[in-house]
């Protein structure tokens, strides 16, 4: 008997979306190097990655489905950048977290 309780159910992630995201990572690997985004985690401000997410979402929202450079989905590019941001955030790169946090003025 297998005990799957509490384990992530990877079957819930749509395979087509995973393939699109993988293609964006492949494009990046060819352009910058396979693990470039991982190695840049200690040197890339969170705001830079967040800005990339927003640019892709804004382009999509303005009616442009595909990134002109890669020919791949703007939404897949945005998801890829979100995955990178999540990874950098959880990998201990908090020194690159440059989000504005309003200080308590009391």
PDB file of N, CA and C in Angstrom:
ATOM      1  N   UNK A   1       0.838  -1.172   0.000  1.00  0.00           N
ATOM      2  CA  UNK A   1       0.000   0.000   0.000  1.00  0.00           C
ATOM      3  C   UNK A   1       0.888   1.242   0.000  1.00  0.00           C
ATOM      4  N   UNK A   2       0.503   2.201  -0.828  1.00  0.00           N
ATOM      5  CA  UNK A   2       1.254   3.439  -0.940  1.00  0.00           C
ATOM      6  C   UNK A   2       0.561   4.523  -0.121  1.00  0.00           C
ATOM      7  N   UNK A   3       1.343   5.325   0.562  1.00  0.00           N
ATOM      8  CA  UNK A   3       0.795   6.393   1.397  1.00  0.00           C
ATOM      9  C   UNK A   3       1.061   7.734   0.727  1.00  0.00           C
ATOM     10  N   UNK A   4       0.025   8.292   0.110  1.00  0.00           N
ATOM     11  CA  UNK A   4       0.151   9.557  -0.622  1.00  0.00           C
ATOM     12  C   UNK A   4      -0.436  10.744   0.119  1.00  0.00           C
ATOM     13  N   UNK A   5      -1.023  10.504   1.269  1.00  0.00           N
ATOM     14  CA  UNK A   5      -1.649  11.584   2.013  1.00  0.00           C
ATOM     15  C   UNK A   5      -0.627  12.671   2.345  1.00  0.00           C
ATOM     16  N   UNK A   6      -1.003  13.893   2.043  1.00  0.00           N
ATOM     17  CA  UNK A   6      -0.126  15.029   2.331  1.00  0.00           C
ATOM     18  C   UNK A   6       0.893  15.315   1.244  1.00  0.00           C
ATOM     19  N   UNK A   7       1.006  14.444   0.247  1.00  0.00           N
ATOM     20  CA  UNK A   7       1.942  14.668  -0.852  1.00  0.00           C
ATOM     21  C   UNK A   7       1.272  15.513  -1.928  1.00  0.00           C
ATOM     22  N   UNK A   8       2.073  16.288  -2.633  1.00  0.00           N
ATOM     23  CA  UNK A   8       1.548  17.120  -3.715  1.00  0.00           C
ATOM     24  C   UNK A   8       1.012  16.239  -4.833  1.00  0.00           C
ATOM     25  N   UNK A   9      -0.182  16.545  -5.309  1.00  0.00           N
ATOM     26  CA  UNK A   9      -0.794  15.801  -6.409  1.00  0.00           C
ATOM     27  C   UNK A   9      -0.449  16.486  -7.721  1.00  0.00           C
ATOM     28  N   UNK A  10       0.666  16.080  -8.292  1.00  0.00           N
ATOM     29  CA  UNK A  10       1.170  16.690  -9.511  1.00  0.00           C
ATOM     30  C   UNK A  10       0.245  16.464 -10.708  1.00  0.00           C
ATOM     31  N   UNK A  11      -0.666  15.508 -10.600  1.00  0.00           N
ATOM     32  CA  UNK A  11      -1.589  15.242 -11.704  1.00  0.00           C
ATOM     33  C   UNK A  11      -2.601  16.378 -11.883  1.00  0.00           C
ATOM     34  N   UNK A  12      -2.687  17.291 -10.930  1.00  0.00           N
ATOM     35  CA  UNK A  12      -3.620  18.407 -11.022  1.00  0.00           C
ATOM     36  C   UNK A  12      -3.112  19.533 -11.921  1.00  0.00           C
ATOM     37  N   UNK A  13      -1.820  19.544 -12.203  1.00  0.00           N
ATOM     38  CA  UNK A  13      -1.246  20.593 -13.053  1.00  0.00           C
ATOM     39  C   UNK A  13      -1.476  20.208 -14.511  1.00  0.00           C
ATOM     40  N   UNK A  14      -2.119  21.076 -15.286  1.00  0.00           N
ATOM     41  CA  UNK A  14      -2.391  20.754 -16.689  1.00  0.00           C
ATOM     42  C   UNK A  14      -1.097  20.524 -17.475  1.00  0.00           C
ATOM     43  N   UNK A  15      -0.981  19.365 -18.135  1.00  0.00           N
ATOM     44  CA  UNK A  15       0.242  19.046 -18.874  1.00  0.00           C
ATOM     45  C   UNK A  15       0.596  20.072 -19.956  1.00  0.00           C
ATOM     46  N   UNK A  16      -0.405  20.633 -20.621  1.00  0.00           N
ATOM     47  CA  UNK A  16      -0.119  21.626 -21.664  1.00  0.00           C
ATOM     48  C   UNK A  16       0.554  22.859 -21.103  1.00  0.00           C
ATOM     49  N   UNK A  17       0.107  23.305 -19.941  1.00  0.00           N
ATOM     50  CA  UNK A  17       0.717  24.470 -19.302  1.00  0.00           C
ATOM     51  C   UNK A  17       2.161  24.157 -18.910  1.00  0.00           C
ATOM     52  N   UNK A  18       2.369  22.952 -18.366  1.00  0.00           N
ATOM     53  CA  UNK A  18       3.734  22.553 -17.985  1.00  0.00           C
ATOM     54  C   UNK A  18       4.651  22.521 -19.207  1.00  0.00           C
ATOM     55  N   UNK A  19       4.123  22.043 -20.332  1.00  0.00           N
ATOM     56  CA  UNK A  19       4.931  21.990 -21.557  1.00  0.00           C
ATOM     57  C   UNK A  19       5.272  23.398 -22.036  1.00  0.00           C
ATOM     58  N   UNK A  20       4.299  24.312 -22.004  1.00  0.00           N
ATOM     59  CA  UNK A  20       4.557  25.695 -22.418  1.00  0.00           C
ATOM     60  C   UNK A  20       5.613  26.350 -21.530  1.00  0.00           C
ATOM     61  N   UNK A  21       5.510  26.128 -20.232  1.00  0.00           N
ATOM     62  CA  UNK A  21       6.489  26.686 -19.293  1.00  0.00           C
ATOM     63  C   UNK A  21       7.869  26.090 -19.553  1.00  0.00           C
ATOM     64  N   UNK A  22       7.903  24.789 -19.811  1.00  0.00           N
ATOM     65  CA  UNK A  22       9.173  24.122 -20.111  1.00  0.00           C
ATOM     66  C   UNK A  22       9.820  24.702 -21.364  1.00  0.00           C
ATOM     67  N   UNK A  23       9.013  25.022 -22.364  1.00  0.00           N
ATOM     68  CA  UNK A  23       9.557  25.603 -23.604  1.00  0.00           C
ATOM     69  C   UNK A  23      10.182  26.974 -23.347  1.00  0.00           C
ATOM     70  N   UNK A  24       9.591  27.744 -22.441  1.00  0.00           N
ATOM     71  CA  UNK A  24      10.188  29.036 -22.088  1.00  0.00           C
ATOM     72  C   UNK A  24      11.514  28.817 -21.364  1.00  0.00           C
ATOM     73  N   UNK A  25      11.557  27.863 -20.444  1.00  0.00           N
ATOM     74  CA  UNK A  25      12.826  27.546 -19.775  1.00  0.00           C
ATOM     75  C   UNK A  25      13.868  27.063 -20.798  1.00  0.00           C
ATOM     76  N   UNK A  26      13.443  26.294 -21.790  1.00  0.00           N
ATOM     77  CA  UNK A  26      14.368  25.837 -22.839  1.00  0.00           C
ATOM     78  C   UNK A  26      14.899  27.016 -23.648  1.00  0.00           C
ATOM     79  N   UNK A  27      14.029  27.967 -23.977  1.00  0.00           N
ATOM     80  CA  UNK A  27      14.448  29.165 -24.691  1.00  0.00           C
ATOM     81  C   UNK A  27      15.494  29.925 -23.875  1.00  0.00           C
ATOM     82  N   UNK A  28      15.223  30.088 -22.585  1.00  0.00           N
ATOM     83  CA  UNK A  28      16.170  30.767 -21.702  1.00  0.00           C
ATOM     84  C   UNK A  28      17.484  30.020 -21.573  1.00  0.00           C
ATOM     85  N   UNK A  29      17.409  28.700 -21.517  1.00  0.00           N
ATOM     86  CA  UNK A  29      18.627  27.891 -21.401  1.00  0.00           C
ATOM     87  C   UNK A  29      19.505  28.055 -22.629  1.00  0.00           C
ATOM     88  N   UNK A  30      18.867  28.118 -23.794  1.00  0.00           N
ATOM     89  CA  UNK A  30      19.639  28.289 -25.030  1.00  0.00           C
ATOM     90  C   UNK A  30      20.245  29.689 -25.114  1.00  0.00           C
ATOM     91  N   UNK A  31      19.500  30.680 -24.662  1.00  0.00           N
ATOM     92  CA  UNK A  31      19.953  32.069 -24.762  1.00  0.00           C
ATOM     93  C   UNK A  31      20.985  32.433 -23.695  1.00  0.00           C
ATOM     94  N   UNK A  32      20.760  31.972 -22.447  1.00  0.00           N
ATOM     95  CA  UNK A  32      21.588  32.417 -21.327  1.00  0.00           C
ATOM     96  C   UNK A  32      22.420  31.315 -20.670  1.00  0.00           C
ATOM     97  N   UNK A  33      22.063  30.065 -20.890  1.00  0.00           N
ATOM     98  CA  UNK A  33      22.701  28.951 -20.204  1.00  0.00           C
ATOM     99  C   UNK A  33      21.674  28.213 -19.366  1.00  0.00           C
ATOM    100  N   UNK A  34      21.852  26.929 -19.237  1.00  0.00           N
ATOM    101  CA  UNK A  34      20.859  26.060 -18.605  1.00  0.00           C
ATOM    102  C   UNK A  34      20.452  26.491 -17.190  1.00  0.00           C
ATOM    103  N   UNK A  35      21.408  26.866 -16.369  1.00  0.00           N
ATOM    104  CA  UNK A  35      21.095  27.207 -14.978  1.00  0.00           C
ATOM    105  C   UNK A  35      21.386  28.668 -14.659  1.00  0.00           C
ATOM    106  N   UNK A  36      21.459  29.496 -15.672  1.00  0.00           N
ATOM    107  CA  UNK A  36      21.768  30.905 -15.461  1.00  0.00           C
ATOM    108  C   UNK A  36      20.816  31.557 -14.463  1.00  0.00           C
ATOM    109  N   UNK A  37      19.531  31.273 -14.578  1.00  0.00           N
ATOM    110  CA  UNK A  37      18.558  31.905 -13.688  1.00  0.00           C
ATOM    111  C   UNK A  37      18.774  31.480 -12.240  1.00  0.00           C
ATOM    112  N   UNK A  38      19.252  30.257 -12.028  1.00  0.00           N
ATOM    113  CA  UNK A  38      19.531  29.804 -10.657  1.00  0.00           C
ATOM    114  C   UNK A  38      20.769  30.515 -10.091  1.00  0.00           C
ATOM    115  N   UNK A  39      21.783  30.631 -10.929  1.00  0.00           N
ATOM    116  CA  UNK A  39      23.032  31.263 -10.477  1.00  0.00           C
ATOM    117  C   UNK A  39      22.858  32.758 -10.244  1.00  0.00           C
ATOM    118  N   UNK A  40      21.878  33.371 -10.917  1.00  0.00           N
ATOM    119  CA  UNK A  40      21.636  34.802 -10.759  1.00  0.00           C
ATOM    120  C   UNK A  40      20.785  35.135  -9.542  1.00  0.00           C
ATOM    121  N   UNK A  41      20.283  34.129  -8.839  1.00  0.00           N
ATOM    122  CA  UNK A  41      19.398  34.371  -7.705  1.00  0.00           C
ATOM    123  C   UNK A  41      19.995  35.259  -6.639  1.00  0.00           C
ATOM    124  N   UNK A  42      21.287  35.145  -6.429  1.00  0.00           N
ATOM    125  CA  UNK A  42      21.926  35.953  -5.385  1.00  0.00           C
ATOM    126  C   UNK A  42      22.286  37.349  -5.879  1.00  0.00           C
ATOM    127  N   UNK A  43      22.026  37.628  -7.184  1.00  0.00           N
ATOM    128  CA  UNK A  43      22.388  38.923  -7.765  1.00  0.00           C
ATOM    129  C   UNK A  43      21.210  39.649  -8.411  1.00  0.00           C
ATOM    130  N   UNK A  44      20.034  39.050  -8.398  1.00  0.00           N
ATOM    131  CA  UNK A  44      18.888  39.640  -9.084  1.00  0.00           C
ATOM    132  C   UNK A  44      17.837  40.091  -8.072  1.00  0.00           C
ATOM    133  N   UNK A  45      17.571  41.392  -8.080  1.00  0.00           N
ATOM    134  CA  UNK A  45      16.557  41.934  -7.179  1.00  0.00           C
ATOM    135  C   UNK A  45      15.200  41.339  -7.538  1.00  0.00           C
ATOM    136  N   UNK A  46      14.402  41.079  -6.523  1.00  0.00           N
ATOM    137  CA  UNK A  46      13.063  40.534  -6.749  1.00  0.00           C
ATOM    138  C   UNK A  46      12.250  41.449  -7.658  1.00  0.00           C
ATOM    139  N   UNK A  47      12.454  42.754  -7.542  1.00  0.00           N
ATOM    140  CA  UNK A  47      11.687  43.708  -8.355  1.00  0.00           C
ATOM    141  C   UNK A  47      11.952  43.521  -9.848  1.00  0.00           C
ATOM    142  N   UNK A  48      13.144  43.105 -10.205  1.00  0.00           N
ATOM    143  CA  UNK A  48      13.469  42.897 -11.622  1.00  0.00           C
ATOM    144  C   UNK A  48      12.668  41.729 -12.188  1.00  0.00           C
ATOM    145  N   UNK A  49      12.575  40.646 -11.431  1.00  0.00           N
ATOM    146  CA  UNK A  49      11.806  39.485 -11.879  1.00  0.00           C
ATOM    147  C   UNK A  49      10.324  39.823 -11.890  1.00  0.00           C
ATOM    148  N   UNK A  50       9.864  40.512 -10.853  1.00  0.00           N
ATOM    149  CA  UNK A  50       8.461  40.930 -10.785  1.00  0.00           C
ATOM    150  C   UNK A  50       8.111  41.818 -11.977  1.00  0.00           C
ATOM    151  N   UNK A  51       8.992  42.737 -12.334  1.00  0.00           N
ATOM    152  CA  UNK A  51       8.755  43.627 -13.473  1.00  0.00           C
ATOM    153  C   UNK A  51       8.616  42.830 -14.771  1.00  0.00           C
ATOM    154  N   UNK A  52       9.399  41.770 -14.906  1.00  0.00           N
ATOM    155  CA  UNK A  52       9.291  40.912 -16.085  1.00  0.00           C
ATOM    156  C   UNK A  52       7.929  40.228 -16.142  1.00  0.00           C
ATOM    157  N   UNK A  53       7.465  39.738 -15.001  1.00  0.00           N
ATOM    158  CA  UNK A  53       6.127  39.139 -14.927  1.00  0.00           C
ATOM    159  C   UNK A  53       5.102  40.150 -15.420  1.00  0.00           C
ATOM    160  N   UNK A  54       5.174  41.369 -14.894  1.00  0.00           N
ATOM    161  CA  UNK A  54       4.203  42.401 -15.243  1.00  0.00           C
ATOM    162  C   UNK A  54       4.260  42.774 -16.722  1.00  0.00           C
ATOM    163  N   UNK A  55       5.469  42.874 -17.288  1.00  0.00           N
ATOM    164  CA  UNK A  55       5.581  43.202 -18.715  1.00  0.00           C
ATOM    165  C   UNK A  55       4.892  42.151 -19.573  1.00  0.00           C
ATOM    166  N   UNK A  56       5.105  40.869 -19.245  1.00  0.00           N
ATOM    167  CA  UNK A  56       4.466  39.806 -20.021  1.00  0.00           C
ATOM    168  C   UNK A  56       2.950  39.821 -19.836  1.00  0.00           C
ATOM    169  N   UNK A  57       2.490  40.049 -18.628  1.00  0.00           N
ATOM    170  CA  UNK A  57       1.043  40.121 -18.397  1.00  0.00           C
ATOM    171  C   UNK A  57       0.431  41.328 -19.097  1.00  0.00           C
ATOM    172  N   UNK A  58       1.117  42.469 -19.065  1.00  0.00           N
ATOM    173  CA  UNK A  58       0.611  43.663 -19.737  1.00  0.00           C
ATOM    174  C   UNK A  58       0.554  43.473 -21.247  1.00  0.00           C
ATOM    175  N   UNK A  59       1.574  42.838 -21.808  1.00  0.00           N
ATOM    176  CA  UNK A  59       1.578  42.579 -23.248  1.00  0.00           C
ATOM    177  C   UNK A  59       0.415  41.661 -23.621  1.00  0.00           C
ATOM    178  N   UNK A  60       0.197  40.636 -22.819  1.00  0.00           N
ATOM    179  CA  UNK A  60      -0.924  39.730 -23.058  1.00  0.00           C
ATOM    180  C   UNK A  60      -2.241  40.493 -22.957  1.00  0.00           C
ATOM    181  N   UNK A  61      -2.379  41.311 -21.924  1.00  0.00           N
ATOM    182  CA  UNK A  61      -3.627  42.034 -21.686  1.00  0.00           C
ATOM    183  C   UNK A  61      -3.885  43.056 -22.792  1.00  0.00           C
ATOM    184  N   UNK A  62      -2.825  43.526 -23.437  1.00  0.00           N
ATOM    185  CA  UNK A  62      -2.962  44.473 -24.550  1.00  0.00           C
ATOM    186  C   UNK A  62      -3.276  43.756 -25.870  1.00  0.00           C
ATOM    187  N   UNK A  63      -3.397  42.436 -25.817  1.00  0.00           N
ATOM    188  CA  UNK A  63      -3.804  41.682 -27.006  1.00  0.00           C
ATOM    189  C   UNK A  63      -2.698  40.925 -27.712  1.00  0.00           C
ATOM    190  N   UNK A  64      -1.490  40.956 -27.170  1.00  0.00           N
ATOM    191  CA  UNK A  64      -0.366  40.243 -27.792  1.00  0.00           C
ATOM    192  C   UNK A  64      -0.205  38.892 -27.102  1.00  0.00           C
ATOM    193  N   UNK A  65      -0.527  37.823 -27.799  1.00  0.00           N
ATOM    194  CA  UNK A  65      -0.483  36.484 -27.201  1.00  0.00           C
ATOM    195  C   UNK A  65       0.929  35.940 -27.060  1.00  0.00           C
ATOM    196  N   UNK A  66       1.777  36.218 -28.055  1.00  0.00           N
ATOM    197  CA  UNK A  66       3.123  35.622 -28.074  1.00  0.00           C
ATOM    198  C   UNK A  66       4.205  36.681 -27.942  1.00  0.00           C
ATOM    199  N   UNK A  67       5.232  36.336 -27.200  1.00  0.00           N
ATOM    200  CA  UNK A  67       6.422  37.172 -27.070  1.00  0.00           C
ATOM    201  C   UNK A  67       7.088  37.260 -28.436  1.00  0.00           C
ATOM    202  N   UNK A  68       7.357  38.472 -28.949  1.00  0.00           N
ATOM    203  CA  UNK A  68       7.932  38.591 -30.292  1.00  0.00           C
ATOM    204  C   UNK A  68       9.315  37.951 -30.449  1.00  0.00           C
ATOM    205  N   UNK A  69      10.108  37.945 -29.404  1.00  0.00           N
ATOM    206  CA  UNK A  69      11.458  37.380 -29.514  1.00  0.00           C
ATOM    207  C   UNK A  69      11.443  35.857 -29.546  1.00  0.00           C
ATOM    208  N   UNK A  70      10.692  35.253 -28.646  1.00  0.00           N
ATOM    209  CA  UNK A  70      10.712  33.791 -28.531  1.00  0.00           C
ATOM    210  C   UNK A  70       9.626  33.107 -29.353  1.00  0.00           C
ATOM    211  N   UNK A  71       8.547  33.835 -29.636  1.00  0.00           N
ATOM    212  CA  UNK A  71       7.399  33.226 -30.299  1.00  0.00           C
ATOM    213  C   UNK A  71       6.571  32.361 -29.361  1.00  0.00           C
ATOM    214  N   UNK A  72       6.876  32.441 -28.071  1.00  0.00           N
ATOM    215  CA  UNK A  72       6.187  31.642 -27.063  1.00  0.00           C
ATOM    216  C   UNK A  72       5.186  32.507 -26.304  1.00  0.00           C
ATOM    217  N   UNK A  73       4.268  31.857 -25.640  1.00  0.00           N
ATOM    218  CA  UNK A  73       3.189  32.514 -24.918  1.00  0.00           C
ATOM    219  C   UNK A  73       3.690  33.506 -23.863  1.00  0.00           C
ATOM    220  N   UNK A  74       3.110  34.708 -23.893  1.00  0.00           N
ATOM    221  CA  UNK A  74       3.416  35.680 -22.833  1.00  0.00           C
ATOM    222  C   UNK A  74       3.011  35.125 -21.467  1.00  0.00           C
ATOM    223  N   UNK A  75       1.907  34.384 -21.424  1.00  0.00           N
ATOM    224  CA  UNK A  75       1.472  33.820 -20.145  1.00  0.00           C
ATOM    225  C   UNK A  75       2.467  32.789 -19.637  1.00  0.00           C
ATOM    226  N   UNK A  76       3.028  31.980 -20.528  1.00  0.00           N
ATOM    227  CA  UNK A  76       4.049  31.004 -20.111  1.00  0.00           C
ATOM    228  C   UNK A  76       5.311  31.724 -19.647  1.00  0.00           C
ATOM    229  N   UNK A  77       5.661  32.821 -20.301  1.00  0.00           N
ATOM    230  CA  UNK A  77       6.809  33.620 -19.842  1.00  0.00           C
ATOM    231  C   UNK A  77       6.544  34.163 -18.442  1.00  0.00           C
ATOM    232  N   UNK A  78       5.337  34.682 -18.217  1.00  0.00           N
ATOM    233  CA  UNK A  78       4.988  35.217 -16.897  1.00  0.00           C
ATOM    234  C   UNK A  78       5.048  34.120 -15.842  1.00  0.00           C
ATOM    235  N   UNK A  79       4.511  32.944 -16.156  1.00  0.00           N
ATOM    236  CA  UNK A  79       4.549  31.819 -15.209  1.00  0.00           C
ATOM    237  C   UNK A  79       5.983  31.406 -14.912  1.00  0.00           C
ATOM    238  N   UNK A  80       6.810  31.391 -15.926  1.00  0.00           N
ATOM    239  CA  UNK A  80       8.217  31.025 -15.743  1.00  0.00           C
ATOM    240  C   UNK A  80       8.894  32.004 -14.783  1.00  0.00           C
ATOM    241  N   UNK A  81       8.640  33.285 -14.976  1.00  0.00           N
ATOM    242  CA  UNK A  81       9.226  34.290 -14.093  1.00  0.00           C
ATOM    243  C   UNK A  81       8.684  34.168 -12.670  1.00  0.00           C
ATOM    244  N   UNK A  82       7.408  33.800 -12.542  1.00  0.00           N
ATOM    245  CA  UNK A  82       6.850  33.577 -11.200  1.00  0.00           C
ATOM    246  C   UNK A  82       7.521  32.382 -10.525  1.00  0.00           C
ATOM    247  N   UNK A  83       7.767  31.328 -11.281  1.00  0.00           N
ATOM    248  CA  UNK A  83       8.473  30.158 -10.731  1.00  0.00           C
ATOM    249  C   UNK A  83       9.875  30.559 -10.282  1.00  0.00           C
ATOM    250  N   UNK A  84      10.542  31.355 -11.089  1.00  0.00           N
ATOM    251  CA  UNK A  84      11.880  31.826 -10.732  1.00  0.00           C
ATOM    252  C   UNK A  84      11.811  32.676  -9.459  1.00  0.00           C
ATOM    253  N   UNK A  85      10.832  33.577  -9.386  1.00  0.00           N
ATOM    254  CA  UNK A  85      10.694  34.420  -8.194  1.00  0.00           C
ATOM    255  C   UNK A  85      10.396  33.580  -6.957  1.00  0.00           C
ATOM    256  N   UNK A  86       9.512  32.597  -7.091  1.00  0.00           N
ATOM    257  CA  UNK A  86       9.205  31.709  -5.966  1.00  0.00           C
ATOM    258  C   UNK A  86      10.455  30.951  -5.520  1.00  0.00           C
ATOM    259  N   UNK A  87      11.225  30.474  -6.487  1.00  0.00           N
ATOM    260  CA  UNK A  87      12.432  29.707  -6.172  1.00  0.00           C
ATOM    261  C   UNK A  87      13.467  30.584  -5.486  1.00  0.00           C
ATOM    262  N   UNK A  88      13.699  31.773  -6.028  1.00  0.00           N
ATOM    263  CA  UNK A  88      14.673  32.681  -5.405  1.00  0.00           C
ATOM    264  C   UNK A  88      14.228  33.071  -4.006  1.00  0.00           C
ATOM    265  N   UNK A  89      12.941  33.272  -3.836  1.00  0.00           N
ATOM    266  CA  UNK A  89      12.417  33.644  -2.523  1.00  0.00           C
ATOM    267  C   UNK A  89      12.609  32.527  -1.501  1.00  0.00           C
ATOM    268  N   UNK A  90      12.414  31.285  -1.928  1.00  0.00           N
ATOM    269  CA  UNK A  90      12.537  30.161  -0.987  1.00  0.00           C
ATOM    270  C   UNK A  90      13.966  29.637  -0.858  1.00  0.00           C
ATOM    271  N   UNK A  91      14.854  30.055  -1.769  1.00  0.00           N
ATOM    272  CA  UNK A  91      16.241  29.578  -1.732  1.00  0.00           C
ATOM    273  C   UNK A  91      17.150  30.422  -0.846  1.00  0.00           C
ATOM    274  N   UNK A  92      16.573  31.300  -0.053  1.00  0.00           N
ATOM    275  CA  UNK A  92      17.394  32.062   0.883  1.00  0.00           C
ATOM    276  C   UNK A  92      18.029  33.303   0.294  1.00  0.00           C
ATOM    277  N   UNK A  93      17.452  33.839  -0.758  1.00  0.00           N
ATOM    278  CA  UNK A  93      17.993  35.061  -1.355  1.00  0.00           C
ATOM    279  C   UNK A  93      17.248  36.288  -0.836  1.00  0.00           C
ATOM    280  N   UNK A  94      16.931  36.284   0.443  1.00  0.00           N
ATOM    281  CA  UNK A  94      16.148  37.380   1.022  1.00  0.00           C
ATOM    282  C   UNK A  94      16.880  38.719   0.918  1.00  0.00           C
ATOM    283  N   UNK A  95      18.198  38.697   0.777  1.00  0.00           N
ATOM    284  CA  UNK A  95      18.940  39.946   0.629  1.00  0.00           C
ATOM    285  C   UNK A  95      18.618  40.639  -0.700  1.00  0.00           C
ATOM    286  N   UNK A  96      17.985  39.909  -1.637  1.00  0.00           N
ATOM    287  CA  UNK A  96      17.594  40.494  -2.916  1.00  0.00           C
ATOM    288  C   UNK A  96      16.124  40.932  -2.910  1.00  0.00           C
ATOM    289  N   UNK A  97      15.459  40.732  -1.792  1.00  0.00           N
ATOM    290  CA  UNK A  97      14.059  41.112  -1.651  1.00  0.00           C
ATOM    291  C   UNK A  97      13.992  42.613  -1.442  1.00  0.00           C
ATOM    292  N   UNK A  98      13.665  43.341  -2.500  1.00  0.00           N
ATOM    293  CA  UNK A  98      13.649  44.797  -2.443  1.00  0.00           C
ATOM    294  C   UNK A  98      12.233  45.362  -2.515  1.00  0.00           C
ATOM    295  N   UNK A  99      11.264  44.558  -2.074  1.00  0.00           N
ATOM    296  CA  UNK A  99       9.893  45.071  -2.016  1.00  0.00           C
ATOM    297  C   UNK A  99       9.826  46.231  -1.041  1.00  0.00           C
ATOM    298  N   UNK A 100       9.002  47.212  -1.398  1.00  0.00           N
ATOM    299  CA  UNK A 100       8.796  48.344  -0.501  1.00  0.00           C
ATOM    300  C   UNK A 100       7.854  47.911   0.606  1.00  0.00           C
ATOM    301  N   UNK A 101       8.269  48.118   1.828  1.00  0.00           N
ATOM    302  CA  UNK A 101       7.413  47.839   2.981  1.00  0.00           C
ATOM    303  C   UNK A 101       7.350  49.120   3.802  1.00  0.00           C
ATOM    304  N   UNK A 102       6.159  49.659   3.902  1.00  0.00           N
ATOM    305  CA  UNK A 102       5.980  50.894   4.645  1.00  0.00           C
ATOM    306  C   UNK A 102       6.291  50.658   6.116  1.00  0.00           C
ATOM    307  N   UNK A 103       7.161  51.467   6.641  1.00  0.00           N
ATOM    308  CA  UNK A 103       7.542  51.330   8.050  1.00  0.00           C
ATOM    309  C   UNK A 103       6.444  51.876   8.938  1.00  0.00           C
ATOM    310  N   UNK A 104       6.323  51.274  10.079  1.00  0.00           N
ATOM    311  CA  UNK A 104       5.356  51.717  11.061  1.00  0.00           C
ATOM    312  C   UNK A 104       5.752  53.123  11.512  1.00  0.00           C
ATOM    313  N   UNK A 105       4.858  54.080  11.340  1.00  0.00           N
ATOM    314  CA  UNK A 105       5.173  55.470  11.636  1.00  0.00           C
ATOM    315  C   UNK A 105       4.822  55.861  13.075  1.00  0.00           C
ATOM    316  N   UNK A 106       4.414  54.935  13.885  1.00  0.00           N
ATOM    317  CA  UNK A 106       4.038  55.263  15.269  1.00  0.00           C
ATOM    318  C   UNK A 106       5.225  55.510  16.136  1.00  0.00           C
TER     319      UNK A 106
END
